[in-house]
Amino acid sequence: MSSITPQDIKREFFRSKMGIAGIIILGMLIIISIITIIIFPVETFQEWNNPNSWMTYPKTAIPVWVNLLVFEKIPEHKILMNPNIEKKSNQEINLSSYQFSFNFEYDQFPNDFIYSYTAEYINSPLLEMSVIRPDGIEIKLISTALPHSNAITNHEDKIFSTDAIIKKELLLNNEKFRFQIDNLSAEDIIFSKTERNEPLKGNYVFLINLYEINEKSEIIKSNLIIGGKAFGIMGTDELRRDLAIGLLWGTPLALFIGLVVSIASVVAGLVYGVYSGFKGKKTDEALMRFNDVIYALPALPFLIILSVTISNSIFVMIGFLMIFGWVGIAKVARSMSLQIKTRGYVEAATMMGQKDSKMIFKHILPQLLPYAFASVAISVPAAITTEAGLSFLGLGDPSFPTWGQILHDANIFGAAARGLWWWIIPPGIMIAITGLAFVFIGNALDSIINPKLKR
């Protein structure tokens, strides 16, 4: 082992196709992590379990790219936030008009629509909402006076397609349609062809008018949601959360958990094993018996018990994984230490009276660095999959969107039975890809430091 230099390891590693593949995959994961941290602020995943942060998103929406693979286009969920604003005055009447225009080119009806607004006004302005269809038909949806106020006030409200007043207005305007509308929803009526119950494709304009006498009123915050069945790159879950954000944030979290646990475990195991082998005799015997006790403990059941009784914090879990991760490495490090300490330069340094700590850190541990690097790489997948397993069982930290936590939520809401594949397959693939990267790197390093494996 002493004949292997860092230059030899580097040269042999980059000759390995497996090692290069592992580095490429790991590099991509690191790039994804950096982009995620830059683009999405920390507050994004801190709001992961806050339902109010995801209210404008649809439930269990399929990824939008599925429309490229199917013949019947699925309506996409649209959140329109920047209306065209026009202001007019006619003697005493002031009109503020807000127009949301969008193109509807889908083969199914939208789920619903929601108009959310905040109006600043005095007295009691009149709010009217209507929609202009691609065929030129204008349908009045609602006409209502805002609550009266003698002082300037801000009024927040939402108008839903399921509101009874909208269905009543549609029934009053029944002459514009040639089919029975009693059993249809508001969105089915608005987006239907007049001759048959099929979606009418083209440009729709939702028009919101605010009328006020003498005083000037305005809508200071306004957005229109057209509820669809497809949203985002990776869709949404039952709690309306954007799964793309969860998957992206899961990448740096997985690398953090895997690397911290593996590095800490390898360092602790190397120091423990080398010290035990170097000291020998009663010290070695006592340390190895303690090592055997830890090694004999069933790790997963013990981790489950500790998570339930102490805490399910992700940092506590990392600490538990470190406790059970070093024992196997310590045994191997001890056997290597027993071999190295018999070499001439170690015996000479001992005869010269060098301290044990200097002997260990200067003459023995440097000889084990190739093994340490390989052990770190191979230990990362075990840490990631263990965290994922605990999270899947409901023992993880729910405040962090790890891949295991996403799979746990999918299991809770029966995603597999409901066919919500985009909630299950992507986090599983990410766990497999991350583990594969470190397995490739670890096996490439292992074949270098163990020539027998290479042959």
Protein backbone atom coordinates (compact mmCIF):
# COMPACT_ATOMS: atom_id res chain seq x y z
CA MET A 1 0.00 0.00 0.00
CA SER A 2 2.89 2.39 0.68
CA SER A 3 3.97 2.18 -2.95
CA ILE A 4 0.71 3.75 -4.17
CA THR A 5 1.13 7.52 -4.51
CA PRO A 6 -1.68 10.08 -5.04
CA GLN A 7 -0.43 10.53 -8.61
CA ASP A 8 -0.74 6.79 -9.23
CA ILE A 9 -4.29 6.79 -7.85
CA LYS A 10 -5.29 9.77 -10.01
CA ARG A 11 -3.78 8.26 -13.15
CA GLU A 12 -5.34 4.85 -12.63
CA PHE A 13 -8.69 6.34 -11.62
CA PHE A 14 -9.10 8.34 -14.82
CA ARG A 15 -8.27 5.24 -16.83
CA SER A 16 -11.33 3.58 -15.33
CA LYS A 17 -14.54 4.06 -17.32
CA MET A 18 -16.52 3.30 -14.19
CA GLY A 19 -14.68 5.99 -12.25
CA ILE A 20 -15.17 8.60 -14.99
CA ALA A 21 -18.90 7.77 -15.18
CA GLY A 22 -19.19 8.20 -11.42
CA ILE A 23 -17.41 11.57 -11.51
CA ILE A 24 -19.67 12.80 -14.34
CA ILE A 25 -22.85 11.82 -12.45
CA LEU A 26 -21.54 13.33 -9.22
CA GLY A 27 -20.59 16.53 -11.05
CA MET A 28 -24.12 16.81 -12.43
CA LEU A 29 -25.60 16.33 -8.95
CA ILE A 30 -23.32 19.03 -7.53
CA ILE A 31 -24.31 21.43 -10.33
CA ILE A 32 -28.00 20.73 -9.62
CA SER A 33 -27.39 21.41 -5.93
CA ILE A 34 -25.64 24.72 -6.59
CA ILE A 35 -28.34 25.88 -9.03
CA THR A 36 -31.06 24.89 -6.54
CA ILE A 37 -29.47 26.84 -3.69
CA ILE A 38 -29.01 29.90 -5.93
CA ILE A 39 -32.45 29.89 -7.60
CA PHE A 40 -34.65 28.74 -4.71
CA PRO A 41 -34.14 30.56 -1.40
CA VAL A 42 -33.92 28.59 1.83
CA GLU A 43 -37.43 29.81 2.70
CA THR A 44 -38.78 27.69 -0.17
CA PHE A 45 -38.19 24.35 1.50
CA GLN A 46 -38.89 25.85 4.93
CA GLU A 47 -42.43 26.41 3.60
CA TRP A 48 -42.61 22.84 2.27
CA ASN A 49 -45.20 21.79 4.87
CA ASN A 50 -47.11 25.09 4.93
CA PRO A 51 -50.37 24.51 2.99
CA ASN A 52 -50.94 28.25 2.48
CA SER A 53 -47.79 28.48 0.37
CA TRP A 54 -49.19 26.10 -2.25
CA MET A 55 -52.87 27.10 -2.40
CA THR A 56 -52.66 28.43 -5.96
CA TYR A 57 -51.26 25.14 -7.28
CA PRO A 58 -53.41 22.17 -8.40
CA LYS A 59 -53.76 18.84 -6.62
CA THR A 60 -51.95 15.79 -8.06
CA ALA A 61 -51.33 17.47 -11.42
CA ILE A 62 -49.40 15.49 -14.01
CA PRO A 63 -46.15 16.97 -15.48
CA VAL A 64 -46.78 19.30 -18.44
CA TRP A 65 -44.36 17.44 -20.74
CA VAL A 66 -46.79 14.50 -20.79
CA ASN A 67 -48.74 16.53 -23.39
CA LEU A 68 -45.88 15.83 -25.81
CA LEU A 69 -46.53 12.09 -25.53
CA VAL A 70 -50.34 11.89 -25.69
CA PHE A 71 -52.85 12.52 -28.47
CA GLU A 72 -55.43 14.19 -26.24
CA LYS A 73 -53.95 17.37 -24.76
CA ILE A 74 -54.41 17.72 -21.00
CA PRO A 75 -55.27 21.27 -19.81
CA GLU A 76 -52.37 22.96 -18.07
CA HIS A 77 -52.81 24.84 -14.81
CA LYS A 78 -52.34 28.57 -15.45
CA ILE A 79 -51.66 31.29 -12.88
CA LEU A 80 -52.15 34.70 -14.55
CA MET A 81 -50.85 37.58 -12.45
CA ASN A 82 -50.32 40.55 -14.80
CA PRO A 83 -53.58 41.79 -16.31
CA ASN A 84 -53.83 44.54 -18.90
CA ILE A 85 -55.25 47.59 -17.13
CA GLU A 86 -57.38 50.30 -18.68
CA LYS A 87 -58.90 53.28 -16.87
CA LYS A 88 -61.78 55.38 -18.23
CA SER A 89 -63.86 58.25 -16.90
CA ASN A 90 -67.34 59.21 -18.11
CA GLN A 91 -68.62 62.28 -16.27
CA GLU A 92 -69.16 60.99 -12.72
CA ILE A 93 -68.43 57.31 -13.36
CA ASN A 94 -64.87 55.98 -13.15
CA LEU A 95 -64.11 52.62 -14.73
CA SER A 96 -61.06 50.45 -14.05
CA SER A 97 -60.85 47.46 -16.40
CA TYR A 98 -58.55 44.44 -15.84
CA GLN A 99 -58.13 41.93 -18.68
CA PHE A 100 -56.62 38.45 -18.48
CA SER A 101 -56.02 36.96 -21.91
CA PHE A 102 -54.80 33.41 -22.60
CA ASN A 103 -54.88 30.79 -25.32
CA PHE A 104 -56.77 27.56 -24.60
CA GLU A 105 -55.68 24.68 -26.88
CA TYR A 106 -56.61 21.54 -24.96
CA ASP A 107 -58.91 18.59 -25.55
CA GLN A 108 -60.34 18.51 -22.01
CA PHE A 109 -62.14 21.07 -19.88
CA PRO A 110 -60.28 22.89 -17.09
CA ASN A 111 -60.99 21.84 -13.52
CA ASP A 112 -62.16 25.27 -12.36
CA PHE A 113 -61.18 28.92 -12.26
CA ILE A 114 -60.51 31.25 -9.33
CA TYR A 115 -60.19 35.02 -9.38
CA SER A 116 -58.36 36.48 -6.38
CA TYR A 117 -58.13 40.21 -5.80
CA THR A 118 -57.47 43.03 -3.35
CA ALA A 119 -59.42 46.23 -4.01
CA GLU A 120 -58.66 49.65 -2.57
CA TYR A 121 -61.75 51.88 -2.51
CA ILE A 122 -64.15 54.16 -0.66
CA ASN A 123 -67.98 53.94 -0.63
CA SER A 124 -69.26 50.82 -2.45
CA PRO A 125 -67.95 50.27 -6.00
CA LEU A 126 -69.53 47.77 -8.36
CA LEU A 127 -67.45 44.79 -9.52
CA GLU A 128 -68.42 42.92 -12.68
CA MET A 129 -66.72 39.86 -14.11
CA SER A 130 -67.29 38.45 -17.58
CA VAL A 131 -65.50 36.32 -20.17
CA ILE A 132 -65.17 36.84 -23.93
CA ARG A 133 -64.94 33.51 -25.77
CA PRO A 134 -63.03 32.82 -29.01
CA ASP A 135 -66.35 32.83 -30.91
CA GLY A 136 -67.02 36.41 -29.76
CA ILE A 137 -69.75 35.53 -27.24
CA GLU A 138 -69.44 37.54 -24.01
CA ILE A 139 -70.73 35.77 -20.90
CA LYS A 140 -71.48 37.72 -17.76
CA LEU A 141 -70.31 35.81 -14.68
CA ILE A 142 -70.91 38.04 -11.69
CA SER A 143 -72.04 41.53 -10.72
CA THR A 144 -71.73 42.52 -7.09
CA ALA A 145 -71.23 45.60 -4.94
CA LEU A 146 -68.25 45.57 -2.61
CA PRO A 147 -68.91 46.12 1.12
CA HIS A 148 -69.60 49.79 1.88
CA SER A 149 -66.91 51.83 3.62
CA ASN A 150 -66.80 55.55 4.48
CA ALA A 151 -63.00 55.54 4.57
CA ILE A 152 -60.38 54.18 2.19
CA THR A 153 -60.20 50.44 2.77
CA ASN A 154 -58.58 47.32 1.34
CA HIS A 155 -60.90 44.43 0.61
CA GLU A 156 -59.60 40.91 -0.19
CA ASP A 157 -61.82 38.28 -1.75
CA LYS A 158 -61.92 35.31 -4.13
CA ILE A 159 -64.45 34.42 -6.80
CA PHE A 160 -64.74 30.68 -7.48
CA SER A 161 -66.26 29.00 -10.52
CA THR A 162 -68.28 26.90 -8.05
CA ASP A 163 -70.01 29.96 -6.56
CA ALA A 164 -73.79 29.67 -6.84
CA ILE A 165 -74.10 33.24 -8.13
CA ILE A 166 -72.04 32.38 -11.21
CA LYS A 167 -74.22 29.37 -12.06
CA LYS A 168 -77.28 31.56 -11.59
CA GLU A 169 -75.93 34.16 -14.05
CA LEU A 170 -75.22 31.42 -16.59
CA LEU A 171 -78.78 30.11 -16.27
CA LEU A 172 -80.14 33.62 -16.85
CA ASN A 173 -78.06 33.85 -20.04
CA ASN A 174 -79.16 30.39 -21.21
CA GLU A 175 -80.28 31.69 -24.64
CA LYS A 176 -76.64 31.94 -25.73
CA PHE A 177 -76.23 28.15 -25.56
CA ARG A 178 -77.87 25.39 -27.55
CA PHE A 179 -77.40 22.56 -25.08
CA GLN A 180 -78.72 21.70 -21.65
CA ILE A 181 -76.58 23.45 -19.02
CA ASP A 182 -78.38 22.45 -15.83
CA ASN A 183 -76.04 19.53 -15.08
CA LEU A 184 -72.84 21.19 -16.30
CA SER A 185 -70.26 23.05 -14.23
CA ALA A 186 -69.49 26.71 -14.89
CA GLU A 187 -66.15 25.94 -16.55
CA ASP A 188 -67.79 23.32 -18.80
CA ILE A 189 -70.32 25.91 -19.97
CA ILE A 190 -67.79 28.70 -20.51
CA PHE A 191 -65.28 26.57 -22.39
CA SER A 192 -67.83 24.54 -24.45
CA LYS A 193 -68.83 24.85 -28.06
CA THR A 194 -72.40 26.10 -28.29
CA GLU A 195 -73.53 23.14 -30.37
CA ARG A 196 -72.08 20.28 -28.36
CA ASN A 197 -70.27 19.63 -25.13
CA GLU A 198 -66.72 19.88 -26.47
CA PRO A 199 -63.95 22.32 -25.49
CA LEU A 200 -63.85 25.44 -27.63
CA LYS A 201 -60.23 26.21 -28.47
CA GLY A 202 -58.88 29.70 -28.96
CA ASN A 203 -58.20 32.94 -27.12
CA TYR A 204 -60.23 33.71 -23.99
CA VAL A 205 -60.39 37.07 -22.24
CA PHE A 206 -61.55 37.30 -18.62
CA LEU A 207 -62.68 40.87 -18.01
CA ILE A 208 -63.03 42.44 -14.55
CA ASN A 209 -64.58 45.92 -14.39
CA LEU A 210 -64.67 48.11 -11.30
CA TYR A 211 -67.19 51.01 -11.41
CA GLU A 212 -67.17 53.91 -8.95
CA ILE A 213 -69.05 57.23 -8.80
CA ASN A 214 -66.91 60.32 -8.15
CA GLU A 215 -64.26 58.45 -6.18
CA LYS A 216 -61.37 56.55 -7.78
CA SER A 217 -61.12 52.87 -6.87
CA GLU A 218 -58.64 50.27 -8.08
CA ILE A 219 -57.66 46.65 -7.73
CA ILE A 220 -54.12 46.69 -6.34
CA LYS A 221 -53.54 42.94 -6.41
CA SER A 222 -55.15 40.61 -8.91
CA ASN A 223 -54.61 37.13 -10.29
CA LEU A 224 -56.64 34.58 -12.21
CA ILE A 225 -56.14 30.83 -11.84
CA ILE A 226 -57.37 28.51 -14.57
CA GLY A 227 -57.35 25.14 -12.89
CA GLY A 228 -55.72 22.44 -14.99
CA LYS A 229 -54.64 18.82 -14.69
CA ALA A 230 -51.00 19.38 -15.69
CA PHE A 231 -48.48 21.63 -13.97
CA GLY A 232 -44.72 22.09 -13.79
CA ILE A 233 -41.85 19.87 -14.84
CA MET A 234 -42.57 17.13 -12.29
CA GLY A 235 -46.23 17.72 -11.39
CA THR A 236 -47.70 18.23 -7.92
CA ASP A 237 -48.74 16.04 -5.00
CA GLU A 238 -51.95 15.75 -2.97
CA LEU A 239 -50.92 18.79 -0.89
CA ARG A 240 -50.47 20.89 -4.07
CA ARG A 241 -46.70 21.09 -3.59
CA ASP A 242 -44.49 21.44 -6.66
CA LEU A 243 -42.58 18.15 -6.75
CA ALA A 244 -39.82 19.67 -8.89
CA ILE A 245 -38.85 21.90 -5.95
CA GLY A 246 -38.87 18.93 -3.58
CA LEU A 247 -36.74 16.82 -5.93
CA LEU A 248 -34.25 19.64 -6.52
CA TRP A 249 -33.86 20.45 -2.83
CA GLY A 250 -33.57 16.72 -2.12
CA THR A 251 -30.28 16.68 -4.09
CA PRO A 252 -28.16 18.93 -1.82
CA LEU A 253 -29.82 17.38 1.24
CA ALA A 254 -28.93 13.86 0.07
CA LEU A 255 -25.32 14.85 -0.70
CA PHE A 256 -25.06 16.60 2.67
CA ILE A 257 -26.40 13.61 4.59
CA GLY A 258 -24.35 11.07 2.64
CA LEU A 259 -21.03 12.95 2.73
CA VAL A 260 -21.26 14.11 6.35
CA VAL A 261 -22.15 10.64 7.62
CA SER A 262 -19.59 8.81 5.47
CA ILE A 263 -16.68 11.21 6.13
CA ALA A 264 -17.33 11.34 9.88
CA SER A 265 -17.76 7.55 10.06
CA VAL A 266 -14.60 6.84 8.06
CA VAL A 267 -12.47 9.30 10.06
CA ALA A 268 -13.74 7.96 13.39
CA GLY A 269 -13.33 4.33 12.28
CA LEU A 270 -9.80 4.87 10.95
CA VAL A 271 -8.56 6.66 14.08
CA TYR A 272 -10.23 4.13 16.38
CA GLY A 273 -9.00 1.08 14.46
CA VAL A 274 -5.46 2.36 13.94
CA TYR A 275 -5.11 3.33 17.60
CA SER A 276 -6.42 -0.07 18.70
CA GLY A 277 -4.05 -1.97 16.41
CA PHE A 278 -1.05 0.20 17.25
CA LYS A 279 -1.46 -0.05 21.04
CA GLY A 280 -2.23 -3.77 21.01
CA LYS A 281 -2.53 -5.99 24.09
CA LYS A 282 -5.23 -5.07 26.64
CA THR A 283 -6.05 -1.75 24.97
CA ASP A 284 -6.66 -3.50 21.66
CA GLU A 285 -8.70 -6.21 23.32
CA ALA A 286 -10.94 -3.72 25.19
CA LEU A 287 -11.48 -1.48 22.17
CA MET A 288 -12.30 -4.38 19.87
CA ARG A 289 -14.79 -5.87 22.33
CA PHE A 290 -16.59 -2.52 22.45
CA ASN A 291 -16.49 -2.46 18.67
CA ASP A 292 -18.06 -5.93 18.59
CA VAL A 293 -20.89 -4.78 20.88
CA ILE A 294 -21.77 -1.86 18.57
CA TYR A 295 -21.34 -4.07 15.50
CA ALA A 296 -23.76 -6.67 16.93
CA LEU A 297 -26.56 -4.13 17.42
CA PRO A 298 -29.23 -4.32 14.70
CA ALA A 299 -28.77 -0.88 13.15
CA LEU A 300 -32.14 -0.25 11.48
CA PRO A 301 -34.40 -1.38 14.39
CA PHE A 302 -32.19 0.52 16.79
CA LEU A 303 -32.39 3.66 14.64
CA ILE A 304 -36.17 3.33 14.54
CA ILE A 305 -36.34 3.10 18.34
CA LEU A 306 -34.03 6.09 18.77
CA SER A 307 -36.00 8.16 16.25
CA VAL A 308 -39.29 7.43 18.02
CA THR A 309 -38.07 7.94 21.59
CA ILE A 310 -35.57 10.81 21.22
CA SER A 311 -36.15 12.93 18.10
CA ASN A 312 -36.76 12.65 14.38
CA SER A 313 -34.64 15.72 13.59
CA ILE A 314 -32.49 15.24 10.52
CA PHE A 315 -29.40 16.28 12.48
CA VAL A 316 -30.11 13.74 15.22
CA MET A 317 -30.57 11.12 12.50
CA ILE A 318 -27.19 12.04 11.02
CA GLY A 319 -25.64 11.58 14.45
CA PHE A 320 -27.24 8.14 14.83
CA LEU A 321 -26.00 7.08 11.40
CA MET A 322 -22.47 8.12 12.38
CA ILE A 323 -22.67 6.01 15.53
CA PHE A 324 -23.38 2.84 13.54
CA GLY A 325 -21.25 3.65 10.51
CA TRP A 326 -17.72 3.49 11.86
CA VAL A 327 -17.51 -0.03 13.34
CA GLY A 328 -16.80 -1.98 10.13
CA ILE A 329 -14.17 0.52 9.02
CA ALA A 330 -12.48 0.29 12.44
CA LYS A 331 -12.01 -3.48 12.05
CA VAL A 332 -10.34 -3.12 8.65
CA ALA A 333 -8.21 -0.18 9.86
CA ARG A 334 -7.05 -2.23 12.84
CA SER A 335 -5.87 -5.13 10.66
CA MET A 336 -3.99 -2.70 8.38
CA SER A 337 -2.45 -1.00 11.41
CA LEU A 338 -1.17 -4.33 12.72
CA GLN A 339 0.66 -4.88 9.43
CA ILE A 340 2.07 -1.37 9.08
CA LYS A 341 3.41 -1.10 12.65
CA THR A 342 5.75 -4.07 12.04
CA ARG A 343 7.60 -2.26 9.25
CA GLY A 344 11.14 -1.08 9.84
CA TYR A 345 10.59 2.69 9.70
CA VAL A 346 7.77 2.44 12.26
CA GLU A 347 9.90 0.36 14.62
CA ALA A 348 12.78 2.79 14.17
CA ALA A 349 10.56 5.75 15.00
CA THR A 350 9.32 3.91 18.08
CA MET A 351 12.87 3.26 19.25
CA MET A 352 13.64 6.97 18.81
CA GLY A 353 10.93 7.73 21.34
CA GLN A 354 8.31 9.38 19.16
CA LYS A 355 4.90 9.87 20.76
CA ASP A 356 2.07 7.47 19.93
CA SER A 357 -0.06 10.26 18.46
CA LYS A 358 2.75 11.31 16.12
CA MET A 359 3.35 7.71 15.10
CA ILE A 360 -0.31 7.21 14.28
CA PHE A 361 -0.96 10.47 12.41
CA LYS A 362 2.39 10.73 10.65
CA HIS A 363 3.42 7.16 9.82
CA ILE A 364 0.28 4.98 9.81
CA LEU A 365 -2.82 6.99 8.88
CA PRO A 366 -1.28 8.47 5.71
CA GLN A 367 -0.79 4.91 4.45
CA LEU A 368 -4.54 4.31 4.79
CA LEU A 369 -5.71 7.36 2.81
CA PRO A 370 -6.43 5.41 -0.42
CA TYR A 371 -8.61 3.02 1.58
CA ALA A 372 -10.24 6.01 3.32
CA PHE A 373 -11.23 7.62 0.02
CA ALA A 374 -12.71 4.39 -1.28
CA SER A 375 -14.57 3.83 2.01
CA VAL A 376 -16.05 7.35 1.94
CA ALA A 377 -17.37 6.84 -1.59
CA ILE A 378 -18.83 3.42 -0.83
CA SER A 379 -20.40 4.57 2.47
CA VAL A 380 -22.39 7.46 0.96
CA PRO A 381 -25.14 5.33 -0.70
CA ALA A 382 -25.73 3.42 2.56
CA ALA A 383 -26.29 6.67 4.46
CA ILE A 384 -28.66 8.06 1.81
CA THR A 385 -30.73 4.88 1.55
CA THR A 386 -30.91 4.50 5.33
CA GLU A 387 -32.25 8.05 5.68
CA ALA A 388 -34.70 7.38 2.85
CA GLY A 389 -35.84 4.17 4.53
CA LEU A 390 -36.42 5.86 7.89
CA SER A 391 -38.26 8.76 6.22
CA PHE A 392 -40.39 6.32 4.22
CA LEU A 393 -41.41 4.65 7.49
CA GLY A 394 -42.48 8.06 8.82
CA LEU A 395 -39.48 8.47 11.14
CA GLY A 396 -37.70 11.18 9.17
CA ASP A 397 -37.75 14.93 9.61
CA PRO A 398 -40.94 16.18 7.87
CA SER A 399 -39.64 19.76 7.69
CA PHE A 400 -37.02 18.77 5.09
CA PRO A 401 -38.10 17.70 1.57
CA THR A 402 -35.81 14.70 1.28
CA TRP A 403 -36.51 12.04 -1.35
CA GLY A 404 -37.45 9.58 1.39
CA GLN A 405 -39.95 12.05 2.82
CA ILE A 406 -41.52 12.54 -0.62
CA LEU A 407 -41.92 8.77 -0.96
CA HIS A 408 -43.43 8.63 2.54
CA ASP A 409 -46.06 11.21 1.60
CA ALA A 410 -46.78 9.33 -1.63
CA ASN A 411 -47.34 6.15 0.38
CA ILE A 412 -49.62 7.93 2.87
CA PHE A 413 -51.89 9.24 0.09
CA GLY A 414 -51.89 5.97 -1.87
CA ALA A 415 -50.06 7.33 -4.91
CA ALA A 416 -49.24 3.86 -6.25
CA ALA A 417 -52.85 2.65 -6.11
CA ARG A 418 -54.05 5.87 -7.76
CA GLY A 419 -51.50 5.68 -10.57
CA LEU A 420 -49.66 8.88 -9.59
CA TRP A 421 -46.37 7.62 -11.00
CA TRP A 422 -44.73 11.10 -11.10
CA TRP A 423 -44.93 11.18 -7.30
CA ILE A 424 -43.12 7.85 -6.87
CA ILE A 425 -40.70 7.15 -9.72
CA PRO A 426 -38.62 10.40 -9.81
CA PRO A 427 -37.46 10.33 -6.14
CA GLY A 428 -36.68 6.62 -6.47
CA ILE A 429 -34.63 7.30 -9.61
CA MET A 430 -32.75 10.14 -7.89
CA ILE A 431 -31.84 7.89 -4.95
CA ALA A 432 -30.61 5.21 -7.36
CA ILE A 433 -28.59 7.64 -9.52
CA THR A 434 -26.91 9.25 -6.50
CA GLY A 435 -26.04 5.87 -5.03
CA LEU A 436 -24.77 4.65 -8.40
CA ALA A 437 -22.39 7.62 -8.74
CA PHE A 438 -20.66 6.85 -5.44
CA VAL A 439 -20.66 3.11 -6.07
CA PHE A 440 -18.86 3.69 -9.39
CA ILE A 441 -16.30 5.96 -7.72
CA GLY A 442 -15.82 3.62 -4.77
CA ASN A 443 -15.39 0.51 -6.91
CA ALA A 444 -12.89 2.30 -9.16
CA LEU A 445 -10.83 3.35 -6.13
CA ASP A 446 -11.17 -0.09 -4.58
CA SER A 447 -9.78 -1.76 -7.69
CA ILE A 448 -6.76 0.55 -7.52
CA ILE A 449 -5.86 -0.07 -3.87
CA ASN A 450 -6.68 -3.80 -4.15
CA PRO A 451 -4.87 -5.10 -7.25
CA LYS A 452 -6.42 -8.53 -6.74
CA LEU A 453 -9.86 -7.05 -7.45
CA LYS A 454 -8.50 -5.37 -10.56
CA ARG A 455 -7.15 -8.62 -11.92
